[in-house]
């Protein structure tokens, strides 16, 4: 939808702001993401003595430097995925919100009231963005496999993998959409609620860095917690070998039978403690940079 009115961000500002946040997040938090994925993929009990081999794999007894570098597998795939994801997610959600505002604002206001309708439009726009994020799934799949199952590549390059695997790179797309829809709804919805009801910010583009930071914490915690069970299932589907066709229902059944219902929340604590700040960092940066770039482009 066309943007008009003073203070509205241009599409260029949204791309630049969200892209910059994605690059900064990648350089700082990629090792954290690798640790979380390896913990979620681990099916054995975790103790102090087994944590090293689970996290660092064959480099568990190597020097500190080599152990740290071992947390950067799939960085090329991660770069492509993360930057594209952040541009789409943080730049696309305002676009969906503009679209809803233009065509469905009266319906939301009539159903929820003007104030709550505004919040619901923000959350719904986030949910739609999360569902559409499935188009980036192949890059996410390759990133996860490099992090937790590098043997699946067997010396093949990315072009050959795309040519040979084709649609198998979209394995788990349904679970990905099922995770992204409520997760993104919670991220943007909780952030909007915090700004509006807690911080008293009516024009979100004018929020200060501190206000964006506080709202991002609320959104990130809500998003990670709500999406955690589906994220575990999605990760286990995607980290298998390319030729392994494991249905999500089978993953759920085996997980409950062998590990218990609590396994759906494996890795939740480290994700909130270490992946949470990653999302808070990038979301805060995007919300702050987009209005800044909008002053110039």
C-alpha atoms as a PDB file:
ATOM      1  CA  UNK A   1       0.000   0.000   0.000  1.00  0.00           C
ATOM      2  CA  UNK A   2       1.216   3.536  -0.681  1.00  0.00           C
ATOM      3  CA  UNK A   3       2.629   5.323   2.318  1.00  0.00           C
ATOM      4  CA  UNK A   4       1.591   8.885   2.999  1.00  0.00           C
ATOM      5  CA  UNK A   5       1.714  11.288   5.880  1.00  0.00           C
ATOM      6  CA  UNK A   6       4.543  12.786   7.856  1.00  0.00           C
ATOM      7  CA  UNK A   7       6.622  10.305   9.824  1.00  0.00           C
ATOM      8  CA  UNK A   8       5.732   7.275   7.697  1.00  0.00           C
ATOM      9  CA  UNK A   9       8.685   5.036   6.923  1.00  0.00           C
ATOM     10  CA  UNK A  10       9.609   4.359   3.315  1.00  0.00           C
ATOM     11  CA  UNK A  11      10.198   0.856   2.015  1.00  0.00           C
ATOM     12  CA  UNK A  12      13.892   1.682   1.631  1.00  0.00           C
ATOM     13  CA  UNK A  13      14.143   2.745   5.274  1.00  0.00           C
ATOM     14  CA  UNK A  14      12.500  -0.492   6.371  1.00  0.00           C
ATOM     15  CA  UNK A  15      14.874  -2.616   4.293  1.00  0.00           C
ATOM     16  CA  UNK A  16      17.969  -0.734   5.460  1.00  0.00           C
ATOM     17  CA  UNK A  17      16.960  -0.698   9.120  1.00  0.00           C
ATOM     18  CA  UNK A  18      15.916  -4.342   9.319  1.00  0.00           C
ATOM     19  CA  UNK A  19      18.859  -5.502   7.181  1.00  0.00           C
ATOM     20  CA  UNK A  20      21.371  -3.713   9.396  1.00  0.00           C
ATOM     21  CA  UNK A  21      19.825  -5.298  12.475  1.00  0.00           C
ATOM     22  CA  UNK A  22      20.086  -8.748  10.856  1.00  0.00           C
ATOM     23  CA  UNK A  23      23.788  -8.335  10.038  1.00  0.00           C
ATOM     24  CA  UNK A  24      24.604  -7.085  13.537  1.00  0.00           C
ATOM     25  CA  UNK A  25      22.632  -9.928  15.115  1.00  0.00           C
ATOM     26  CA  UNK A  26      24.374 -12.541  12.975  1.00  0.00           C
ATOM     27  CA  UNK A  27      27.883 -11.423  13.874  1.00  0.00           C
ATOM     28  CA  UNK A  28      27.159 -11.388  17.598  1.00  0.00           C
ATOM     29  CA  UNK A  29      24.706 -14.226  18.183  1.00  0.00           C
ATOM     30  CA  UNK A  30      25.386 -16.997  15.644  1.00  0.00           C
ATOM     31  CA  UNK A  31      27.354 -19.090  18.199  1.00  0.00           C
ATOM     32  CA  UNK A  32      24.429 -18.782  20.627  1.00  0.00           C
ATOM     33  CA  UNK A  33      22.032 -20.054  17.973  1.00  0.00           C
ATOM     34  CA  UNK A  34      24.280 -23.053  17.288  1.00  0.00           C
ATOM     35  CA  UNK A  35      24.313 -24.001  20.984  1.00  0.00           C
ATOM     36  CA  UNK A  36      20.521 -23.764  21.234  1.00  0.00           C
ATOM     37  CA  UNK A  37      19.984 -25.898  18.108  1.00  0.00           C
ATOM     38  CA  UNK A  38      22.386 -28.588  19.356  1.00  0.00           C
ATOM     39  CA  UNK A  39      20.696 -28.691  22.758  1.00  0.00           C
ATOM     40  CA  UNK A  40      17.249 -29.012  21.151  1.00  0.00           C
ATOM     41  CA  UNK A  41      18.472 -31.806  18.879  1.00  0.00           C
ATOM     42  CA  UNK A  42      20.032 -33.776  21.738  1.00  0.00           C
ATOM     43  CA  UNK A  43      17.862 -36.714  22.838  1.00  0.00           C
ATOM     44  CA  UNK A  44      19.954 -37.855  25.827  1.00  0.00           C
ATOM     45  CA  UNK A  45      20.020 -36.511  29.349  1.00  0.00           C
ATOM     46  CA  UNK A  46      22.233 -33.459  29.748  1.00  0.00           C
ATOM     47  CA  UNK A  47      24.687 -33.214  32.634  1.00  0.00           C
ATOM     48  CA  UNK A  48      27.755 -31.127  33.368  1.00  0.00           C
ATOM     49  CA  UNK A  49      30.024 -33.866  32.007  1.00  0.00           C
ATOM     50  CA  UNK A  50      28.069 -34.390  28.758  1.00  0.00           C
ATOM     51  CA  UNK A  51      27.385 -30.729  27.975  1.00  0.00           C
ATOM     52  CA  UNK A  52      30.794 -30.217  26.334  1.00  0.00           C
ATOM     53  CA  UNK A  53      30.530 -33.055  23.777  1.00  0.00           C
ATOM     54  CA  UNK A  54      26.918 -32.074  22.997  1.00  0.00           C
ATOM     55  CA  UNK A  55      27.755 -28.430  22.348  1.00  0.00           C
ATOM     56  CA  UNK A  56      31.250 -28.636  20.829  1.00  0.00           C
ATOM     57  CA  UNK A  57      30.981 -32.122  19.236  1.00  0.00           C
ATOM     58  CA  UNK A  58      34.413 -33.457  18.176  1.00  0.00           C
ATOM     59  CA  UNK A  59      36.079 -30.218  19.326  1.00  0.00           C
ATOM     60  CA  UNK A  60      35.039 -30.716  22.973  1.00  0.00           C
ATOM     61  CA  UNK A  61      38.642 -31.322  24.084  1.00  0.00           C
ATOM     62  CA  UNK A  62      40.237 -28.806  21.716  1.00  0.00           C
ATOM     63  CA  UNK A  63      41.630 -25.417  22.704  1.00  0.00           C
ATOM     64  CA  UNK A  64      39.276 -22.609  23.693  1.00  0.00           C
ATOM     65  CA  UNK A  65      39.769 -20.871  20.343  1.00  0.00           C
ATOM     66  CA  UNK A  66      38.954 -23.974  18.293  1.00  0.00           C
ATOM     67  CA  UNK A  67      35.911 -24.700  20.440  1.00  0.00           C
ATOM     68  CA  UNK A  68      34.634 -21.181  19.850  1.00  0.00           C
ATOM     69  CA  UNK A  69      35.194 -21.392  16.072  1.00  0.00           C
ATOM     70  CA  UNK A  70      33.350 -24.729  16.016  1.00  0.00           C
ATOM     71  CA  UNK A  71      30.191 -22.794  16.915  1.00  0.00           C
ATOM     72  CA  UNK A  72      30.239 -21.085  13.497  1.00  0.00           C
ATOM     73  CA  UNK A  73      29.220 -23.903  11.109  1.00  0.00           C
ATOM     74  CA  UNK A  74      26.957 -22.884   8.264  1.00  0.00           C
ATOM     75  CA  UNK A  75      27.776 -19.196   8.663  1.00  0.00           C
ATOM     76  CA  UNK A  76      27.276 -18.596   4.932  1.00  0.00           C
ATOM     77  CA  UNK A  77      23.786 -20.117   5.013  1.00  0.00           C
ATOM     78  CA  UNK A  78      23.100 -18.321   8.277  1.00  0.00           C
ATOM     79  CA  UNK A  79      24.105 -14.989   6.738  1.00  0.00           C
ATOM     80  CA  UNK A  80      21.783 -15.433   3.777  1.00  0.00           C
ATOM     81  CA  UNK A  81      18.928 -16.670   5.934  1.00  0.00           C
ATOM     82  CA  UNK A  82      19.233 -14.286   8.860  1.00  0.00           C
ATOM     83  CA  UNK A  83      19.589 -11.081   6.844  1.00  0.00           C
ATOM     84  CA  UNK A  84      16.756 -12.100   4.482  1.00  0.00           C
ATOM     85  CA  UNK A  85      14.609 -13.151   7.449  1.00  0.00           C
ATOM     86  CA  UNK A  86      15.095  -9.919   9.381  1.00  0.00           C
ATOM     87  CA  UNK A  87      14.473  -7.778   6.293  1.00  0.00           C
ATOM     88  CA  UNK A  88      11.287  -9.725   5.619  1.00  0.00           C
ATOM     89  CA  UNK A  89      10.109  -9.983   9.239  1.00  0.00           C
ATOM     90  CA  UNK A  90      10.845  -6.514  10.583  1.00  0.00           C
ATOM     91  CA  UNK A  91      10.388  -4.738   7.261  1.00  0.00           C
ATOM     92  CA  UNK A  92       7.420  -6.845   6.134  1.00  0.00           C
ATOM     93  CA  UNK A  93       5.310  -6.623   9.301  1.00  0.00           C
ATOM     94  CA  UNK A  94       4.787  -2.854   8.914  1.00  0.00           C
ATOM     95  CA  UNK A  95       3.800  -3.493   5.277  1.00  0.00           C
ATOM     96  CA  UNK A  96       1.170  -6.043   6.331  1.00  0.00           C
ATOM     97  CA  UNK A  97       0.013  -3.625   9.029  1.00  0.00           C
ATOM     98  CA  UNK A  98      -0.364  -0.862   6.432  1.00  0.00           C
ATOM     99  CA  UNK A  99      -2.353  -3.270   4.271  1.00  0.00           C
ATOM    100  CA  UNK A 100      -4.693  -4.234   7.127  1.00  0.00           C
ATOM    101  CA  UNK A 101      -5.077  -0.583   8.118  1.00  0.00           C
ATOM    102  CA  UNK A 102      -6.065   0.340   4.584  1.00  0.00           C
ATOM    103  CA  UNK A 103      -8.624  -2.409   3.981  1.00  0.00           C
ATOM    104  CA  UNK A 104      -9.764  -3.852   7.327  1.00  0.00           C
ATOM    105  CA  UNK A 105      -9.319  -1.120   9.940  1.00  0.00           C
ATOM    106  CA  UNK A 106     -13.051  -0.595  10.460  1.00  0.00           C
ATOM    107  CA  UNK A 107     -13.654  -4.331  10.980  1.00  0.00           C
ATOM    108  CA  UNK A 108     -10.926  -4.537  13.647  1.00  0.00           C
ATOM    109  CA  UNK A 109     -12.149  -1.371  15.376  1.00  0.00           C
ATOM    110  CA  UNK A 110     -15.763  -2.555  15.370  1.00  0.00           C
ATOM    111  CA  UNK A 111     -14.766  -5.923  16.813  1.00  0.00           C
ATOM    112  CA  UNK A 112     -12.150  -4.941  19.396  1.00  0.00           C
ATOM    113  CA  UNK A 113     -12.554  -1.193  19.839  1.00  0.00           C
ATOM    114  CA  UNK A 114     -10.203   1.461  18.511  1.00  0.00           C
ATOM    115  CA  UNK A 115      -7.347   0.957  20.975  1.00  0.00           C
ATOM    116  CA  UNK A 116      -7.406  -2.839  21.104  1.00  0.00           C
ATOM    117  CA  UNK A 117      -8.126  -2.976  17.382  1.00  0.00           C
ATOM    118  CA  UNK A 118      -4.845  -1.178  16.738  1.00  0.00           C
ATOM    119  CA  UNK A 119      -3.000  -3.757  18.853  1.00  0.00           C
ATOM    120  CA  UNK A 120      -4.753  -6.667  17.150  1.00  0.00           C
ATOM    121  CA  UNK A 121      -3.819  -5.293  13.740  1.00  0.00           C
ATOM    122  CA  UNK A 122      -0.161  -5.166  14.817  1.00  0.00           C
ATOM    123  CA  UNK A 123      -0.311  -8.766  16.083  1.00  0.00           C
ATOM    124  CA  UNK A 124      -2.224 -10.048  13.048  1.00  0.00           C
ATOM    125  CA  UNK A 125       0.254  -8.376  10.707  1.00  0.00           C
ATOM    126  CA  UNK A 126       3.004 -10.153  12.637  1.00  0.00           C
ATOM    127  CA  UNK A 127       1.248 -13.499  12.285  1.00  0.00           C
ATOM    128  CA  UNK A 128       0.823 -13.057   8.516  1.00  0.00           C
ATOM    129  CA  UNK A 129       4.493 -12.145   8.244  1.00  0.00           C
ATOM    130  CA  UNK A 130       5.453 -15.261  10.185  1.00  0.00           C
ATOM    131  CA  UNK A 131       3.391 -17.513   7.909  1.00  0.00           C
ATOM    132  CA  UNK A 132       4.957 -16.028   4.774  1.00  0.00           C
ATOM    133  CA  UNK A 133       8.424 -16.555   6.237  1.00  0.00           C
ATOM    134  CA  UNK A 134       8.160 -20.188   5.093  1.00  0.00           C
ATOM    135  CA  UNK A 135       9.529 -19.134   1.664  1.00  0.00           C
ATOM    136  CA  UNK A 136      12.936 -18.751   3.336  1.00  0.00           C
ATOM    137  CA  UNK A 137      12.770 -22.283   4.762  1.00  0.00           C
ATOM    138  CA  UNK A 138      15.486 -23.868   2.523  1.00  0.00           C
ATOM    139  CA  UNK A 139      18.124 -21.475   3.875  1.00  0.00           C
ATOM    140  CA  UNK A 140      16.987 -22.208   7.430  1.00  0.00           C
ATOM    141  CA  UNK A 141      17.157 -25.965   6.769  1.00  0.00           C
ATOM    142  CA  UNK A 142      20.706 -25.738   5.402  1.00  0.00           C
ATOM    143  CA  UNK A 143      21.787 -23.579   8.340  1.00  0.00           C
ATOM    144  CA  UNK A 144      20.393 -26.032  10.898  1.00  0.00           C
ATOM    145  CA  UNK A 145      21.911 -29.075   9.166  1.00  0.00           C
ATOM    146  CA  UNK A 146      25.318 -27.420   9.126  1.00  0.00           C
ATOM    147  CA  UNK A 147      24.962 -26.668  12.825  1.00  0.00           C
ATOM    148  CA  UNK A 148      23.817 -30.089  14.039  1.00  0.00           C
ATOM    149  CA  UNK A 149      24.259 -32.620  11.208  1.00  0.00           C
ATOM    150  CA  UNK A 150      27.146 -31.607   8.899  1.00  0.00           C
ATOM    151  CA  UNK A 151      27.468 -35.210   7.661  1.00  0.00           C
ATOM    152  CA  UNK A 152      24.265 -34.654   5.666  1.00  0.00           C
ATOM    153  CA  UNK A 153      26.219 -32.497   3.202  1.00  0.00           C
ATOM    154  CA  UNK A 154      28.740 -35.204   2.258  1.00  0.00           C
ATOM    155  CA  UNK A 155      30.998 -32.678   0.516  1.00  0.00           C
ATOM    156  CA  UNK A 156      28.269 -31.205  -1.678  1.00  0.00           C
ATOM    157  CA  UNK A 157      28.035 -27.500  -2.432  1.00  0.00           C
ATOM    158  CA  UNK A 158      24.922 -25.401  -2.014  1.00  0.00           C
ATOM    159  CA  UNK A 159      24.014 -25.351  -5.741  1.00  0.00           C
ATOM    160  CA  UNK A 160      24.259 -29.131  -6.030  1.00  0.00           C
ATOM    161  CA  UNK A 161      22.166 -29.561  -2.886  1.00  0.00           C
ATOM    162  CA  UNK A 162      19.407 -27.332  -4.289  1.00  0.00           C
ATOM    163  CA  UNK A 163      19.448 -29.221  -7.597  1.00  0.00           C
ATOM    164  CA  UNK A 164      19.449 -32.687  -6.016  1.00  0.00           C
ATOM    165  CA  UNK A 165      17.167 -32.159  -3.030  1.00  0.00           C
ATOM    166  CA  UNK A 166      14.555 -29.832  -4.522  1.00  0.00           C
ATOM    167  CA  UNK A 167      11.339 -29.815  -2.497  1.00  0.00           C
ATOM    168  CA  UNK A 168      12.892 -31.824   0.354  1.00  0.00           C
ATOM    169  CA  UNK A 169      14.384 -28.528   1.517  1.00  0.00           C
ATOM    170  CA  UNK A 170      10.827 -27.498   2.392  1.00  0.00           C
ATOM    171  CA  UNK A 171      10.399 -30.493   4.687  1.00  0.00           C
ATOM    172  CA  UNK A 172       8.700 -29.366   7.873  1.00  0.00           C
ATOM    173  CA  UNK A 173       7.051 -26.355   6.179  1.00  0.00           C
ATOM    174  CA  UNK A 174       3.724 -27.026   7.884  1.00  0.00           C
ATOM    175  CA  UNK A 175       5.309 -27.144  11.330  1.00  0.00           C
ATOM    176  CA  UNK A 176       7.296 -24.034  10.494  1.00  0.00           C
ATOM    177  CA  UNK A 177       4.134 -22.111   9.629  1.00  0.00           C
ATOM    178  CA  UNK A 178       2.407 -23.509  12.727  1.00  0.00           C
ATOM    179  CA  UNK A 179       5.307 -22.235  14.840  1.00  0.00           C
ATOM    180  CA  UNK A 180       5.707 -18.865  13.117  1.00  0.00           C
ATOM    181  CA  UNK A 181       2.041 -17.823  13.168  1.00  0.00           C
ATOM    182  CA  UNK A 182       1.553 -17.751  16.983  1.00  0.00           C
ATOM    183  CA  UNK A 183       5.204 -16.869  17.600  1.00  0.00           C
ATOM    184  CA  UNK A 184       5.124 -13.748  15.422  1.00  0.00           C
ATOM    185  CA  UNK A 185       1.635 -12.862  16.690  1.00  0.00           C
ATOM    186  CA  UNK A 186       3.039 -12.901  20.237  1.00  0.00           C
ATOM    187  CA  UNK A 187       6.218 -11.011  19.295  1.00  0.00           C
ATOM    188  CA  UNK A 188       4.539  -8.023  17.660  1.00  0.00           C
ATOM    189  CA  UNK A 189       1.393  -8.209  19.788  1.00  0.00           C
ATOM    190  CA  UNK A 190       3.150  -8.266  23.165  1.00  0.00           C
ATOM    191  CA  UNK A 191       5.502  -5.512  22.008  1.00  0.00           C
ATOM    192  CA  UNK A 192       2.566  -3.319  20.951  1.00  0.00           C
ATOM    193  CA  UNK A 193       0.685  -3.994  24.197  1.00  0.00           C
ATOM    194  CA  UNK A 194       3.753  -3.059  26.236  1.00  0.00           C
ATOM    195  CA  UNK A 195       4.257   0.185  24.327  1.00  0.00           C
ATOM    196  CA  UNK A 196       0.599   1.167  24.487  1.00  0.00           C
ATOM    197  CA  UNK A 197      -0.521   0.042  27.951  1.00  0.00           C
ATOM    198  CA  UNK A 198       2.718   0.041  29.951  1.00  0.00           C
ATOM    199  CA  UNK A 199       4.822   2.763  28.357  1.00  0.00           C
ATOM    200  CA  UNK A 200       2.015   4.998  27.068  1.00  0.00           C
ATOM    201  CA  UNK A 201       3.380   5.226  23.508  1.00  0.00           C
ATOM    202  CA  UNK A 202       0.637   5.804  20.926  1.00  0.00           C
ATOM    203  CA  UNK A 203       2.852   6.438  17.874  1.00  0.00           C
ATOM    204  CA  UNK A 204       5.182   3.432  17.843  1.00  0.00           C
ATOM    205  CA  UNK A 205       7.566   5.017  15.318  1.00  0.00           C
ATOM    206  CA  UNK A 206       8.338   7.736  17.869  1.00  0.00           C
ATOM    207  CA  UNK A 207       9.294   5.338  20.675  1.00  0.00           C
ATOM    208  CA  UNK A 208      12.707   5.924  22.244  1.00  0.00           C
ATOM    209  CA  UNK A 209      15.466   3.320  22.175  1.00  0.00           C
ATOM    210  CA  UNK A 210      14.711   2.444  25.817  1.00  0.00           C
ATOM    211  CA  UNK A 211      10.993   2.047  25.112  1.00  0.00           C
ATOM    212  CA  UNK A 212      11.747  -0.159  22.092  1.00  0.00           C
ATOM    213  CA  UNK A 213      14.113  -2.229  24.244  1.00  0.00           C
ATOM    214  CA  UNK A 214      11.543  -2.810  26.998  1.00  0.00           C
ATOM    215  CA  UNK A 215       8.797  -3.655  24.501  1.00  0.00           C
ATOM    216  CA  UNK A 216      11.131  -6.020  22.648  1.00  0.00           C
ATOM    217  CA  UNK A 217      11.862  -7.960  25.846  1.00  0.00           C
ATOM    218  CA  UNK A 218       8.145  -8.575  26.401  1.00  0.00           C
ATOM    219  CA  UNK A 219       7.635  -9.580  22.778  1.00  0.00           C
ATOM    220  CA  UNK A 220      10.654 -11.887  22.656  1.00  0.00           C
ATOM    221  CA  UNK A 221       9.824 -13.786  25.850  1.00  0.00           C
ATOM    222  CA  UNK A 222       6.201 -14.257  24.774  1.00  0.00           C
ATOM    223  CA  UNK A 223       7.203 -15.366  21.275  1.00  0.00           C
ATOM    224  CA  UNK A 224       9.881 -17.852  22.344  1.00  0.00           C
ATOM    225  CA  UNK A 225       7.696 -19.451  25.024  1.00  0.00           C
ATOM    226  CA  UNK A 226       4.626 -19.869  22.829  1.00  0.00           C
ATOM    227  CA  UNK A 227       6.594 -21.213  19.864  1.00  0.00           C
ATOM    228  CA  UNK A 228       8.924 -23.507  21.869  1.00  0.00           C
ATOM    229  CA  UNK A 229       7.083 -26.870  21.475  1.00  0.00           C
ATOM    230  CA  UNK A 230       6.651 -26.485  17.712  1.00  0.00           C
ATOM    231  CA  UNK A 231      10.209 -25.212  17.386  1.00  0.00           C
ATOM    232  CA  UNK A 232      11.561 -28.432  18.915  1.00  0.00           C
ATOM    233  CA  UNK A 233       9.541 -30.532  16.444  1.00  0.00           C
ATOM    234  CA  UNK A 234      10.584 -28.350  13.496  1.00  0.00           C
ATOM    235  CA  UNK A 235      14.261 -28.547  14.431  1.00  0.00           C
ATOM    236  CA  UNK A 236      14.234 -32.348  14.715  1.00  0.00           C
ATOM    237  CA  UNK A 237      12.531 -32.718  11.344  1.00  0.00           C
ATOM    238  CA  UNK A 238      15.043 -30.421   9.666  1.00  0.00           C
ATOM    239  CA  UNK A 239      18.251 -31.721  11.222  1.00  0.00           C
ATOM    240  CA  UNK A 240      17.831 -35.263   9.844  1.00  0.00           C
ATOM    241  CA  UNK A 241      19.651 -36.486   6.741  1.00  0.00           C
ATOM    242  CA  UNK A 242      18.251 -35.231   3.429  1.00  0.00           C
ATOM    243  CA  UNK A 243      16.969 -38.701   2.519  1.00  0.00           C
ATOM    244  CA  UNK A 244      15.224 -39.242   5.864  1.00  0.00           C
ATOM    245  CA  UNK A 245      11.472 -38.645   5.642  1.00  0.00           C
ATOM    246  CA  UNK A 246      10.281 -38.365   9.213  1.00  0.00           C
ATOM    247  CA  UNK A 247       6.720 -37.030   9.616  1.00  0.00           C
ATOM    248  CA  UNK A 248       6.133 -34.460  12.327  1.00  0.00           C
ATOM    249  CA  UNK A 249       3.527 -36.689  13.963  1.00  0.00           C
ATOM    250  CA  UNK A 250       6.158 -39.428  14.315  1.00  0.00           C
ATOM    251  CA  UNK A 251       8.575 -36.962  15.901  1.00  0.00           C
ATOM    252  CA  UNK A 252       5.900 -35.891  18.388  1.00  0.00           C
ATOM    253  CA  UNK A 253       4.921 -39.479  19.234  1.00  0.00           C
ATOM    254  CA  UNK A 254       8.514 -40.634  19.792  1.00  0.00           C
ATOM    255  CA  UNK A 255       9.369 -37.495  21.736  1.00  0.00           C
ATOM    256  CA  UNK A 256       6.452 -37.985  24.159  1.00  0.00           C
ATOM    257  CA  UNK A 257       7.082 -41.735  24.512  1.00  0.00           C
ATOM    258  CA  UNK A 258      10.853 -41.573  24.998  1.00  0.00           C
ATOM    259  CA  UNK A 259      11.408 -38.206  26.631  1.00  0.00           C
ATOM    260  CA  UNK A 260       8.110 -37.086  28.103  1.00  0.00           C
ATOM    261  CA  UNK A 261       5.955 -34.023  27.523  1.00  0.00           C
ATOM    262  CA  UNK A 262       8.555 -31.802  29.142  1.00  0.00           C
ATOM    263  CA  UNK A 263      10.834 -32.441  26.149  1.00  0.00           C
ATOM    264  CA  UNK A 264       8.696 -30.020  24.134  1.00  0.00           C
ATOM    265  CA  UNK A 265      10.362 -27.287  26.143  1.00  0.00           C
ATOM    266  CA  UNK A 266      13.925 -28.583  25.822  1.00  0.00           C
ATOM    267  CA  UNK A 267      16.258 -25.666  25.396  1.00  0.00           C
ATOM    268  CA  UNK A 268      13.592 -23.142  26.481  1.00  0.00           C
ATOM    269  CA  UNK A 269      15.637 -21.741  29.372  1.00  0.00           C
ATOM    270  CA  UNK A 270      18.823 -21.229  27.340  1.00  0.00           C
ATOM    271  CA  UNK A 271      16.735 -19.875  24.469  1.00  0.00           C
ATOM    272  CA  UNK A 272      15.125 -17.254  26.699  1.00  0.00           C
ATOM    273  CA  UNK A 273      18.438 -16.436  28.360  1.00  0.00           C
ATOM    274  CA  UNK A 274      20.620 -16.334  25.255  1.00  0.00           C
ATOM    275  CA  UNK A 275      18.420 -16.469  22.140  1.00  0.00           C
ATOM    276  CA  UNK A 276      15.961 -14.057  23.762  1.00  0.00           C
ATOM    277  CA  UNK A 277      18.573 -11.284  23.915  1.00  0.00           C
ATOM    278  CA  UNK A 278      19.386 -11.991  20.251  1.00  0.00           C
ATOM    279  CA  UNK A 279      15.778 -11.301  19.263  1.00  0.00           C
ATOM    280  CA  UNK A 280      15.558  -8.344  21.651  1.00  0.00           C
ATOM    281  CA  UNK A 281      18.759  -6.925  20.182  1.00  0.00           C
ATOM    282  CA  UNK A 282      17.705  -7.208  16.535  1.00  0.00           C
ATOM    283  CA  UNK A 283      14.098  -6.125  17.117  1.00  0.00           C
ATOM    284  CA  UNK A 284      15.148  -3.113  19.200  1.00  0.00           C
ATOM    285  CA  UNK A 285      17.763  -2.154  16.611  1.00  0.00           C
ATOM    286  CA  UNK A 286      15.302  -2.510  13.725  1.00  0.00           C
ATOM    287  CA  UNK A 287      12.611  -0.457  15.486  1.00  0.00           C
ATOM    288  CA  UNK A 288      15.149   2.268  16.227  1.00  0.00           C
ATOM    289  CA  UNK A 289      16.950   2.287  12.857  1.00  0.00           C
ATOM    290  CA  UNK A 290      13.880   2.254  10.580  1.00  0.00           C
ATOM    291  CA  UNK A 291      12.551   5.657  11.807  1.00  0.00           C
ATOM    292  CA  UNK A 292      16.134   6.973  11.726  1.00  0.00           C
ATOM    293  CA  UNK A 293      16.668   5.938   8.099  1.00  0.00           C
ATOM    294  CA  UNK A 294      13.198   7.283   7.275  1.00  0.00           C
ATOM    295  CA  UNK A 295      14.490  10.804   7.926  1.00  0.00           C
ATOM    296  CA  UNK A 296      16.923  10.469   5.032  1.00  0.00           C
ATOM    297  CA  UNK A 297      15.404   8.025   2.509  1.00  0.00           C
END
